[in-house]
């Protein structure tokens, strides 16, 4: 069972950049599909941001972040990352990393992911 811990959140001005990290322990991240989700203020649902499937079979991004955000992973360090550029106030949310062992059919489905980090706050000021 893998444990996930995010870091790197904070306050940034619109148009700026921020990089989030997610450290995994308890298992090799290479065995998992991984993704980032976010929960916006006042919303209960987790919105898909981007993800990489097991064995790098495929990568997917939400339309709202395509071209601005990049998900990556370093299996040798058991880490995954979210690079966020050209940030907008509507990107303000709690960002969480998630993992699920093996290949999953749809990266954008929060219900597919069994393991979650505690989340890190990202605030983008206008």
Foldseek 3Di string as FASTA:
>chain_A
DKAKAKDWADEEAAQAKTKMKIAIDDDQQLQKKKFKWWDAPPGDDTFGAKTAFRVSPDIDGDPVQPPFKDWDADRVRRMIMIIGGNDDQRVWTWMKMFIDGHGDDDPGDPVRTDYIYPTDTHGYHD
